[in-house]
Amino acid sequence: MLSSKAMLDGHGEESPYFQGWKEYEKNPYDDVQNPTGIIQMGLAENQLSLDLLKTWIENNQDATRLTNNGESMFQDLALFQDYHGLPAFKNVLVEFMAEIRGNKASFDPRNLVLMAGATTASETLTFCIAEHGDAFLLPTPYYPGYDRDLKWRTGVELVPIHCSSSNGFKVTKLALEEAYEHAKKLSLNVKGVVITNPLNPLGTTMSHVELDELITFAVAKKIHLISDEIFSGTVFENPSFISIIEAVINRKLEKTDLWSRVHIVYSLSKDLGIPGFRVGMIYSNNERVVSTATKM
């Protein structure tokens, strides 16, 4: 006799998105060996930067030899360390996060929780914010992996904010209100809005107007704002990327209740092209969220 979770057929990996992955793995394209095979178009994996990473590693041997200024770091890394993550690493991460946002916002390493990738970060943050049967609103189209990452183990429902191609899939006040009212009709308690910015799968960035609409909406409804900014360092200068933290600071809302309801999910997988390293993180100004996520 297995648990109801084990017997459940609603895992997100049963979606067409992940089924496509499985079909690709059965029949991958190769220009010589299998020219009629399937080309993987559903995986954001930055292989074009691997030569740059390889060159950097070759020129920085300390990184691969586990040494620092010629001294071995093996024992320090192999034995138990700070469960919260290496302080030096967290300090570098927050500096990097600020740099790729044009230093328009600063980040405190004490508000950073390290995770095994953005998938784990998203699910953990969901556990911290919502109960089984609560709901998140998400603008469409959204990353199909969320049906697995945010829903399956947490029991949280996802309610789409229907965006239209007629205006470039921009988030509007009307679309937000309609999604909220639809959730209410389903007797769902809306705990927050989840966005990806830059947007996966469209690759667009949210404008000041859209972010202001989201902030105003979150203030009015007293709900959370979760911004997945995993592609924040992989953008062109125009249109530029605006972090949710920067947008809140521009509204001078740091000393309001909203400040503790704004959270960022980030990872090094996309911007640095190292998804196999599984470096993800939650950034939150909410002390209880940081404390709980750290314990989880």
C-alpha atoms as a PDB file:
ATOM      1  CA  MET A   1       0.000   0.000   0.000  1.00  0.00           C
ATOM      2  CA  LEU A   2       1.584   3.263  -1.130  1.00  0.00           C
ATOM      3  CA  SER A   3       0.830   6.854  -0.182  1.00  0.00           C
ATOM      4  CA  SER A   4      -1.746   8.885  -2.070  1.00  0.00           C
ATOM      5  CA  LYS A   5       1.106  11.031  -3.396  1.00  0.00           C
ATOM      6  CA  ALA A   6       2.820   8.011  -4.925  1.00  0.00           C
ATOM      7  CA  MET A   7      -0.430   6.899  -6.554  1.00  0.00           C
ATOM      8  CA  LEU A   8      -1.330  10.337  -7.880  1.00  0.00           C
ATOM      9  CA  ASP A   9      -1.335  10.726 -11.674  1.00  0.00           C
ATOM     10  CA  GLY A  10      -1.191  14.529 -11.582  1.00  0.00           C
ATOM     11  CA  HIS A  11       2.590  14.991 -11.488  1.00  0.00           C
ATOM     12  CA  GLY A  12       3.690  17.857 -13.709  1.00  0.00           C
ATOM     13  CA  GLU A  13       6.024  15.582 -15.639  1.00  0.00           C
ATOM     14  CA  GLU A  14       2.977  14.004 -17.253  1.00  0.00           C
ATOM     15  CA  SER A  15       2.489  17.241 -19.213  1.00  0.00           C
ATOM     16  CA  PRO A  16       3.181  17.520 -22.983  1.00  0.00           C
ATOM     17  CA  TYR A  17       6.261  19.599 -22.112  1.00  0.00           C
ATOM     18  CA  PHE A  18       8.016  16.778 -20.294  1.00  0.00           C
ATOM     19  CA  GLN A  19       6.631  14.142 -22.632  1.00  0.00           C
ATOM     20  CA  GLY A  20       8.456  16.003 -25.392  1.00  0.00           C
ATOM     21  CA  TRP A  21      11.688  15.686 -23.416  1.00  0.00           C
ATOM     22  CA  LYS A  22      11.203  11.938 -23.136  1.00  0.00           C
ATOM     23  CA  GLU A  23      10.594  11.581 -26.868  1.00  0.00           C
ATOM     24  CA  TYR A  24      13.766  13.563 -27.571  1.00  0.00           C
ATOM     25  CA  GLU A  25      15.809  11.303 -25.284  1.00  0.00           C
ATOM     26  CA  LYS A  26      14.570   8.281 -27.248  1.00  0.00           C
ATOM     27  CA  ASN A  27      15.478   9.774 -30.622  1.00  0.00           C
ATOM     28  CA  PRO A  28      17.980  12.670 -30.384  1.00  0.00           C
ATOM     29  CA  TYR A  29      19.051  14.459 -33.531  1.00  0.00           C
ATOM     30  CA  ASP A  30      22.597  14.058 -34.838  1.00  0.00           C
ATOM     31  CA  ASP A  31      23.649  15.580 -38.153  1.00  0.00           C
ATOM     32  CA  VAL A  32      25.581  12.433 -39.086  1.00  0.00           C
ATOM     33  CA  GLN A  33      24.259   9.506 -37.055  1.00  0.00           C
ATOM     34  CA  ASN A  34      20.579  10.472 -36.839  1.00  0.00           C
ATOM     35  CA  PRO A  35      19.651  13.358 -39.180  1.00  0.00           C
ATOM     36  CA  THR A  36      15.920  12.560 -38.885  1.00  0.00           C
ATOM     37  CA  GLY A  37      15.973  12.657 -35.089  1.00  0.00           C
ATOM     38  CA  ILE A  38      14.305  15.168 -32.790  1.00  0.00           C
ATOM     39  CA  ILE A  39      15.895  18.566 -32.108  1.00  0.00           C
ATOM     40  CA  GLN A  40      15.545  19.700 -28.480  1.00  0.00           C
ATOM     41  CA  MET A  41      13.920  23.158 -28.543  1.00  0.00           C
ATOM     42  CA  GLY A  42      12.423  23.084 -25.059  1.00  0.00           C
ATOM     43  CA  LEU A  43      15.584  23.271 -22.950  1.00  0.00           C
ATOM     44  CA  ALA A  44      17.288  26.586 -22.135  1.00  0.00           C
ATOM     45  CA  GLU A  45      20.882  25.415 -21.909  1.00  0.00           C
ATOM     46  CA  ASN A  46      23.650  27.877 -22.733  1.00  0.00           C
ATOM     47  CA  GLN A  47      26.205  25.678 -24.497  1.00  0.00           C
ATOM     48  CA  LEU A  48      27.628  28.581 -26.502  1.00  0.00           C
ATOM     49  CA  SER A  49      29.499  29.873 -23.447  1.00  0.00           C
ATOM     50  CA  LEU A  50      31.187  26.597 -22.501  1.00  0.00           C
ATOM     51  CA  ASP A  51      34.401  27.517 -24.341  1.00  0.00           C
ATOM     52  CA  LEU A  52      34.631  30.711 -22.275  1.00  0.00           C
ATOM     53  CA  LEU A  53      34.095  28.765 -19.050  1.00  0.00           C
ATOM     54  CA  LYS A  54      36.691  26.186 -20.063  1.00  0.00           C
ATOM     55  CA  THR A  55      39.247  28.898 -20.812  1.00  0.00           C
ATOM     56  CA  TRP A  56      38.573  30.623 -17.485  1.00  0.00           C
ATOM     57  CA  ILE A  57      39.007  27.386 -15.553  1.00  0.00           C
ATOM     58  CA  GLU A  58      42.263  26.648 -17.388  1.00  0.00           C
ATOM     59  CA  ASN A  59      43.543  30.101 -16.443  1.00  0.00           C
ATOM     60  CA  ASN A  60      42.369  29.827 -12.817  1.00  0.00           C
ATOM     61  CA  GLN A  61      43.729  26.506 -11.652  1.00  0.00           C
ATOM     62  CA  ASP A  62      42.970  27.223  -8.001  1.00  0.00           C
ATOM     63  CA  ALA A  63      39.270  26.743  -8.805  1.00  0.00           C
ATOM     64  CA  THR A  64      39.739  23.128  -9.922  1.00  0.00           C
ATOM     65  CA  ARG A  65      42.537  22.185  -7.550  1.00  0.00           C
ATOM     66  CA  LEU A  66      40.518  23.240  -4.489  1.00  0.00           C
ATOM     67  CA  THR A  67      43.262  25.612  -3.437  1.00  0.00           C
ATOM     68  CA  ASN A  68      43.354  29.231  -2.352  1.00  0.00           C
ATOM     69  CA  ASN A  69      46.631  31.077  -2.915  1.00  0.00           C
ATOM     70  CA  GLY A  70      48.351  27.720  -3.163  1.00  0.00           C
ATOM     71  CA  GLU A  71      46.902  26.383   0.108  1.00  0.00           C
ATOM     72  CA  SER A  72      44.618  23.330   0.007  1.00  0.00           C
ATOM     73  CA  MET A  73      40.938  23.963   0.804  1.00  0.00           C
ATOM     74  CA  PHE A  74      39.985  20.284   0.601  1.00  0.00           C
ATOM     75  CA  GLN A  75      39.529  19.702   4.317  1.00  0.00           C
ATOM     76  CA  ASP A  76      37.454  22.872   4.756  1.00  0.00           C
ATOM     77  CA  LEU A  77      35.151  21.828   1.920  1.00  0.00           C
ATOM     78  CA  ALA A  78      34.987  18.100   2.647  1.00  0.00           C
ATOM     79  CA  LEU A  79      34.008  18.390   6.309  1.00  0.00           C
ATOM     80  CA  PHE A  80      30.783  19.844   7.739  1.00  0.00           C
ATOM     81  CA  GLN A  81      30.432  23.563   7.087  1.00  0.00           C
ATOM     82  CA  ASP A  82      27.911  26.292   7.714  1.00  0.00           C
ATOM     83  CA  TYR A  83      24.501  24.809   6.853  1.00  0.00           C
ATOM     84  CA  HIS A  84      23.459  28.246   5.624  1.00  0.00           C
ATOM     85  CA  GLY A  85      26.086  28.157   2.861  1.00  0.00           C
ATOM     86  CA  LEU A  86      29.640  29.452   2.706  1.00  0.00           C
ATOM     87  CA  PRO A  87      29.547  33.122   3.772  1.00  0.00           C
ATOM     88  CA  ALA A  88      32.218  34.077   1.242  1.00  0.00           C
ATOM     89  CA  PHE A  89      30.183  32.483  -1.556  1.00  0.00           C
ATOM     90  CA  LYS A  90      27.001  34.281  -0.500  1.00  0.00           C
ATOM     91  CA  ASN A  91      28.858  37.589  -0.382  1.00  0.00           C
ATOM     92  CA  VAL A  92      30.053  37.106  -3.953  1.00  0.00           C
ATOM     93  CA  LEU A  93      26.572  36.059  -5.103  1.00  0.00           C
ATOM     94  CA  VAL A  94      24.847  39.203  -3.816  1.00  0.00           C
ATOM     95  CA  GLU A  95      27.538  41.354  -5.439  1.00  0.00           C
ATOM     96  CA  PHE A  96      26.935  39.528  -8.721  1.00  0.00           C
ATOM     97  CA  MET A  97      23.161  39.953  -8.420  1.00  0.00           C
ATOM     98  CA  ALA A  98      23.616  43.696  -7.903  1.00  0.00           C
ATOM     99  CA  GLU A  99      26.075  43.971 -10.794  1.00  0.00           C
ATOM    100  CA  ILE A 100      23.811  42.362 -13.399  1.00  0.00           C
ATOM    101  CA  ARG A 101      21.026  44.705 -12.265  1.00  0.00           C
ATOM    102  CA  GLY A 102      23.199  47.736 -12.926  1.00  0.00           C
ATOM    103  CA  ASN A 103      23.753  48.248  -9.173  1.00  0.00           C
ATOM    104  CA  LYS A 104      20.299  49.826  -9.009  1.00  0.00           C
ATOM    105  CA  ALA A 105      19.506  47.612  -6.056  1.00  0.00           C
ATOM    106  CA  SER A 106      21.699  46.160  -3.330  1.00  0.00           C
ATOM    107  CA  PHE A 107      21.331  42.745  -1.731  1.00  0.00           C
ATOM    108  CA  ASP A 108      22.062  41.549   1.793  1.00  0.00           C
ATOM    109  CA  PRO A 109      23.718  38.092   2.038  1.00  0.00           C
ATOM    110  CA  ARG A 110      21.744  37.480   5.252  1.00  0.00           C
ATOM    111  CA  ASN A 111      18.561  37.460   3.125  1.00  0.00           C
ATOM    112  CA  LEU A 112      19.901  34.832   0.725  1.00  0.00           C
ATOM    113  CA  VAL A 113      19.063  31.125   1.034  1.00  0.00           C
ATOM    114  CA  LEU A 114      21.073  28.722  -1.122  1.00  0.00           C
ATOM    115  CA  MET A 115      19.235  25.873  -2.816  1.00  0.00           C
ATOM    116  CA  ALA A 116      19.956  23.023  -5.236  1.00  0.00           C
ATOM    117  CA  GLY A 117      18.764  24.961  -8.284  1.00  0.00           C
ATOM    118  CA  ALA A 118      15.823  27.245  -9.028  1.00  0.00           C
ATOM    119  CA  THR A 119      13.396  24.307  -9.091  1.00  0.00           C
ATOM    120  CA  THR A 120      14.061  23.557  -5.431  1.00  0.00           C
ATOM    121  CA  ALA A 121      14.033  27.278  -4.602  1.00  0.00           C
ATOM    122  CA  SER A 122      10.615  27.762  -6.215  1.00  0.00           C
ATOM    123  CA  GLU A 123       9.062  24.800  -4.433  1.00  0.00           C
ATOM    124  CA  THR A 124      10.570  25.703  -1.056  1.00  0.00           C
ATOM    125  CA  LEU A 125       9.357  29.292  -1.352  1.00  0.00           C
ATOM    126  CA  THR A 126       5.886  28.000  -2.211  1.00  0.00           C
ATOM    127  CA  PHE A 127       5.881  25.856   0.947  1.00  0.00           C
ATOM    128  CA  CYS A 128       6.854  28.942   2.971  1.00  0.00           C
ATOM    129  CA  ILE A 129       4.102  31.159   1.573  1.00  0.00           C
ATOM    130  CA  ALA A 130       1.066  29.020   0.772  1.00  0.00           C
ATOM    131  CA  GLU A 131      -1.024  26.222   2.236  1.00  0.00           C
ATOM    132  CA  HIS A 132      -2.468  23.223   0.415  1.00  0.00           C
ATOM    133  CA  GLY A 133      -5.420  24.521  -1.604  1.00  0.00           C
ATOM    134  CA  ASP A 134      -4.200  28.135  -1.818  1.00  0.00           C
ATOM    135  CA  ALA A 135      -3.520  29.674  -5.211  1.00  0.00           C
ATOM    136  CA  PHE A 136      -0.907  31.626  -7.137  1.00  0.00           C
ATOM    137  CA  LEU A 137      -1.722  33.762 -10.168  1.00  0.00           C
ATOM    138  CA  LEU A 138       0.621  33.440 -13.171  1.00  0.00           C
ATOM    139  CA  PRO A 139       0.691  35.481 -16.402  1.00  0.00           C
ATOM    140  CA  THR A 140       0.383  33.401 -19.566  1.00  0.00           C
ATOM    141  CA  PRO A 141       2.253  31.933 -21.280  1.00  0.00           C
ATOM    142  CA  TYR A 142       4.232  30.576 -18.343  1.00  0.00           C
ATOM    143  CA  TYR A 143       7.041  28.059 -17.888  1.00  0.00           C
ATOM    144  CA  PRO A 144       5.271  24.650 -18.042  1.00  0.00           C
ATOM    145  CA  GLY A 145       7.607  23.213 -15.399  1.00  0.00           C
ATOM    146  CA  TYR A 146       5.687  25.256 -12.816  1.00  0.00           C
ATOM    147  CA  ASP A 147       2.911  22.672 -12.984  1.00  0.00           C
ATOM    148  CA  ARG A 148       5.445  20.353 -11.379  1.00  0.00           C
ATOM    149  CA  ASP A 149       7.605  22.739  -9.352  1.00  0.00           C
ATOM    150  CA  LEU A 150       4.868  24.769  -7.672  1.00  0.00           C
ATOM    151  CA  LYS A 151       1.921  22.373  -7.545  1.00  0.00           C
ATOM    152  CA  TRP A 152       2.706  18.700  -7.168  1.00  0.00           C
ATOM    153  CA  ARG A 153       4.019  18.381  -3.621  1.00  0.00           C
ATOM    154  CA  THR A 154       2.676  21.672  -2.236  1.00  0.00           C
ATOM    155  CA  GLY A 155      -0.940  21.215  -3.324  1.00  0.00           C
ATOM    156  CA  VAL A 156      -1.088  24.850  -4.445  1.00  0.00           C
ATOM    157  CA  GLU A 157      -3.319  25.705  -7.411  1.00  0.00           C
ATOM    158  CA  LEU A 158      -2.156  27.834 -10.352  1.00  0.00           C
ATOM    159  CA  VAL A 159      -4.642  30.287 -11.846  1.00  0.00           C
ATOM    160  CA  PRO A 160      -3.629  31.844 -15.183  1.00  0.00           C
ATOM    161  CA  ILE A 161      -3.610  35.587 -15.776  1.00  0.00           C
ATOM    162  CA  HIS A 162      -4.689  35.552 -19.393  1.00  0.00           C
ATOM    163  CA  CYS A 163      -2.439  37.817 -21.451  1.00  0.00           C
ATOM    164  CA  SER A 164      -2.989  38.516 -25.140  1.00  0.00           C
ATOM    165  CA  SER A 165      -0.696  38.525 -28.145  1.00  0.00           C
ATOM    166  CA  SER A 166      -2.514  41.669 -29.289  1.00  0.00           C
ATOM    167  CA  ASN A 167      -0.495  43.742 -26.795  1.00  0.00           C
ATOM    168  CA  GLY A 168       2.633  41.598 -26.666  1.00  0.00           C
ATOM    169  CA  PHE A 169       1.397  39.487 -23.733  1.00  0.00           C
ATOM    170  CA  LYS A 170       1.678  42.404 -21.335  1.00  0.00           C
ATOM    171  CA  VAL A 171       0.173  42.120 -17.863  1.00  0.00           C
ATOM    172  CA  THR A 172      -2.736  44.535 -17.412  1.00  0.00           C
ATOM    173  CA  LYS A 173      -4.848  45.624 -14.469  1.00  0.00           C
ATOM    174  CA  LEU A 174      -7.941  44.086 -16.091  1.00  0.00           C
ATOM    175  CA  ALA A 175      -6.221  40.714 -16.579  1.00  0.00           C
ATOM    176  CA  LEU A 176      -5.048  40.692 -12.963  1.00  0.00           C
ATOM    177  CA  GLU A 177      -8.498  41.473 -11.611  1.00  0.00           C
ATOM    178  CA  GLU A 178     -10.175  38.880 -13.828  1.00  0.00           C
ATOM    179  CA  ALA A 179      -7.759  36.159 -12.670  1.00  0.00           C
ATOM    180  CA  TYR A 180      -8.264  37.146  -9.028  1.00  0.00           C
ATOM    181  CA  GLU A 181     -12.046  37.052  -9.341  1.00  0.00           C
ATOM    182  CA  HIS A 182     -11.885  33.714 -11.148  1.00  0.00           C
ATOM    183  CA  ALA A 183      -9.851  32.267  -8.267  1.00  0.00           C
ATOM    184  CA  LYS A 184     -12.405  33.584  -5.791  1.00  0.00           C
ATOM    185  CA  LYS A 185     -15.221  31.916  -7.722  1.00  0.00           C
ATOM    186  CA  LEU A 186     -13.309  28.659  -7.341  1.00  0.00           C
ATOM    187  CA  SER A 187     -13.112  29.326  -3.573  1.00  0.00           C
ATOM    188  CA  LEU A 188      -9.342  29.629  -3.774  1.00  0.00           C
ATOM    189  CA  ASN A 189      -7.364  31.817  -1.409  1.00  0.00           C
ATOM    190  CA  VAL A 190      -4.918  33.807  -3.557  1.00  0.00           C
ATOM    191  CA  LYS A 191      -1.552  34.091  -1.798  1.00  0.00           C
ATOM    192  CA  GLY A 192       0.506  35.720  -4.522  1.00  0.00           C
ATOM    193  CA  VAL A 193       1.491  36.408  -8.108  1.00  0.00           C
ATOM    194  CA  VAL A 194       4.386  34.509  -9.675  1.00  0.00           C
ATOM    195  CA  ILE A 195       6.197  36.097 -12.614  1.00  0.00           C
ATOM    196  CA  THR A 196       9.265  35.214 -14.643  1.00  0.00           C
ATOM    197  CA  ASN A 197      11.201  38.289 -15.668  1.00  0.00           C
ATOM    198  CA  PRO A 198      12.730  38.040 -18.234  1.00  0.00           C
ATOM    199  CA  LEU A 199       9.830  35.918 -19.334  1.00  0.00           C
ATOM    200  CA  ASN A 200      10.171  32.227 -20.037  1.00  0.00           C
ATOM    201  CA  PRO A 201       9.145  31.225 -22.720  1.00  0.00           C
ATOM    202  CA  LEU A 202       8.862  34.522 -24.642  1.00  0.00           C
ATOM    203  CA  GLY A 203      12.212  36.058 -23.730  1.00  0.00           C
ATOM    204  CA  THR A 204      10.653  39.494 -23.182  1.00  0.00           C
ATOM    205  CA  THR A 205      11.164  41.784 -20.187  1.00  0.00           C
ATOM    206  CA  MET A 206       8.512  43.487 -18.089  1.00  0.00           C
ATOM    207  CA  SER A 207       8.115  47.244 -18.419  1.00  0.00           C
ATOM    208  CA  HIS A 208       7.933  49.809 -15.604  1.00  0.00           C
ATOM    209  CA  VAL A 209       4.191  50.063 -16.253  1.00  0.00           C
ATOM    210  CA  GLU A 210       3.617  46.320 -15.859  1.00  0.00           C
ATOM    211  CA  LEU A 211       5.702  46.097 -12.708  1.00  0.00           C
ATOM    212  CA  ASP A 212       3.875  49.091 -11.245  1.00  0.00           C
ATOM    213  CA  GLU A 213       0.548  47.384 -11.983  1.00  0.00           C
ATOM    214  CA  LEU A 214       1.742  44.241 -10.215  1.00  0.00           C
ATOM    215  CA  ILE A 215       2.993  46.201  -7.215  1.00  0.00           C
ATOM    216  CA  THR A 216      -0.241  48.176  -6.914  1.00  0.00           C
ATOM    217  CA  PHE A 217      -2.233  44.946  -7.206  1.00  0.00           C
ATOM    218  CA  ALA A 218      -0.144  43.183  -4.531  1.00  0.00           C
ATOM    219  CA  VAL A 219      -0.524  46.131  -2.170  1.00  0.00           C
ATOM    220  CA  ALA A 220      -4.299  46.280  -2.689  1.00  0.00           C
ATOM    221  CA  LYS A 221      -4.835  42.528  -2.252  1.00  0.00           C
ATOM    222  CA  LYS A 222      -2.181  42.131   0.470  1.00  0.00           C
ATOM    223  CA  ILE A 223      -0.541  39.243  -1.363  1.00  0.00           C
ATOM    224  CA  HIS A 224       3.010  38.179  -2.213  1.00  0.00           C
ATOM    225  CA  LEU A 225       5.050  38.923  -5.335  1.00  0.00           C
ATOM    226  CA  ILE A 226       7.447  36.183  -6.445  1.00  0.00           C
ATOM    227  CA  SER A 227       9.775  37.081  -9.292  1.00  0.00           C
ATOM    228  CA  ASP A 228      11.774  34.323 -10.988  1.00  0.00           C
ATOM    229  CA  GLU A 229      14.720  36.290 -12.394  1.00  0.00           C
ATOM    230  CA  ILE A 230      16.819  33.363 -13.567  1.00  0.00           C
ATOM    231  CA  PHE A 231      17.536  35.065 -16.926  1.00  0.00           C
ATOM    232  CA  SER A 232      18.270  38.507 -15.439  1.00  0.00           C
ATOM    233  CA  GLY A 233      21.884  38.564 -16.654  1.00  0.00           C
ATOM    234  CA  THR A 234      21.026  37.339 -20.145  1.00  0.00           C
ATOM    235  CA  VAL A 235      19.397  40.432 -21.645  1.00  0.00           C
ATOM    236  CA  PHE A 236      20.078  43.085 -24.248  1.00  0.00           C
ATOM    237  CA  GLU A 237      20.447  46.752 -23.315  1.00  0.00           C
ATOM    238  CA  ASN A 238      17.130  47.569 -24.968  1.00  0.00           C
ATOM    239  CA  PRO A 239      14.599  46.680 -23.725  1.00  0.00           C
ATOM    240  CA  SER A 240      16.362  46.661 -20.380  1.00  0.00           C
ATOM    241  CA  PHE A 241      15.651  44.382 -17.448  1.00  0.00           C
ATOM    242  CA  ILE A 242      14.080  45.836 -14.298  1.00  0.00           C
ATOM    243  CA  SER A 243      14.171  43.712 -11.165  1.00  0.00           C
ATOM    244  CA  ILE A 244      11.097  43.606  -8.960  1.00  0.00           C
ATOM    245  CA  ILE A 245      13.300  44.884  -6.116  1.00  0.00           C
ATOM    246  CA  GLU A 246      14.301  47.920  -8.171  1.00  0.00           C
ATOM    247  CA  ALA A 247      10.668  48.593  -9.061  1.00  0.00           C
ATOM    248  CA  VAL A 248       9.616  48.476  -5.395  1.00  0.00           C
ATOM    249  CA  ILE A 249      12.488  50.784  -4.419  1.00  0.00           C
ATOM    250  CA  ASN A 250      11.454  53.228  -7.150  1.00  0.00           C
ATOM    251  CA  ARG A 251       8.013  53.340  -5.522  1.00  0.00           C
ATOM    252  CA  LYS A 252       9.677  54.028  -2.143  1.00  0.00           C
ATOM    253  CA  LEU A 253       7.917  51.078  -0.545  1.00  0.00           C
ATOM    254  CA  GLU A 254      10.852  49.644   1.410  1.00  0.00           C
ATOM    255  CA  LYS A 255       9.276  50.519   4.760  1.00  0.00           C
ATOM    256  CA  THR A 256       5.829  49.146   3.948  1.00  0.00           C
ATOM    257  CA  ASP A 257       4.307  45.693   4.458  1.00  0.00           C
ATOM    258  CA  LEU A 258       4.904  44.881   0.793  1.00  0.00           C
ATOM    259  CA  TRP A 259       8.681  44.845   1.299  1.00  0.00           C
ATOM    260  CA  SER A 260       8.386  41.596   3.268  1.00  0.00           C
ATOM    261  CA  ARG A 261       6.124  40.059   0.601  1.00  0.00           C
ATOM    262  CA  VAL A 262       8.516  40.467  -2.346  1.00  0.00           C
ATOM    263  CA  HIS A 263      10.753  37.490  -3.114  1.00  0.00           C
ATOM    264  CA  ILE A 264      13.250  36.631  -5.859  1.00  0.00           C
ATOM    265  CA  VAL A 265      14.179  33.208  -7.186  1.00  0.00           C
ATOM    266  CA  TYR A 266      17.527  33.073  -8.962  1.00  0.00           C
ATOM    267  CA  SER A 267      20.097  30.567 -10.199  1.00  0.00           C
ATOM    268  CA  LEU A 268      23.456  30.473 -11.958  1.00  0.00           C
ATOM    269  CA  SER A 269      22.197  27.853 -14.417  1.00  0.00           C
ATOM    270  CA  LYS A 270      21.237  30.193 -17.262  1.00  0.00           C
ATOM    271  CA  ASP A 271      23.366  33.326 -16.922  1.00  0.00           C
ATOM    272  CA  LEU A 272      26.596  31.395 -16.343  1.00  0.00           C
ATOM    273  CA  GLY A 273      25.635  28.303 -18.331  1.00  0.00           C
ATOM    274  CA  ILE A 274      26.239  25.813 -15.487  1.00  0.00           C
ATOM    275  CA  PRO A 275      22.893  24.057 -14.836  1.00  0.00           C
ATOM    276  CA  GLY A 276      24.690  20.912 -13.704  1.00  0.00           C
ATOM    277  CA  PHE A 277      26.207  22.766 -10.735  1.00  0.00           C
ATOM    278  CA  ARG A 278      22.693  23.186  -9.239  1.00  0.00           C
ATOM    279  CA  VAL A 279      23.245  26.596  -7.636  1.00  0.00           C
ATOM    280  CA  GLY A 280      19.889  28.213  -6.894  1.00  0.00           C
ATOM    281  CA  MET A 281      18.703  30.693  -4.307  1.00  0.00           C
ATOM    282  CA  ILE A 282      15.822  32.494  -2.663  1.00  0.00           C
ATOM    283  CA  TYR A 283      16.225  36.172  -1.858  1.00  0.00           C
ATOM    284  CA  SER A 284      13.684  37.641   0.537  1.00  0.00           C
ATOM    285  CA  ASN A 285      13.448  40.559   2.956  1.00  0.00           C
ATOM    286  CA  ASN A 286      11.077  38.471   5.072  1.00  0.00           C
ATOM    287  CA  GLU A 287      13.045  37.129   8.037  1.00  0.00           C
ATOM    288  CA  ARG A 288      10.574  34.300   8.685  1.00  0.00           C
ATOM    289  CA  VAL A 289      10.719  33.148   5.053  1.00  0.00           C
ATOM    290  CA  VAL A 290      14.532  33.166   5.136  1.00  0.00           C
ATOM    291  CA  SER A 291      14.594  31.301   8.456  1.00  0.00           C
ATOM    292  CA  THR A 292      12.042  28.687   7.380  1.00  0.00           C
ATOM    293  CA  ALA A 293      13.565  28.133   3.946  1.00  0.00           C
ATOM    294  CA  THR A 294      16.979  27.685   5.553  1.00  0.00           C
ATOM    295  CA  LYS A 295      15.608  25.006   7.879  1.00  0.00           C
ATOM    296  CA  MET A 296      13.911  23.210   4.996  1.00  0.00           C
END
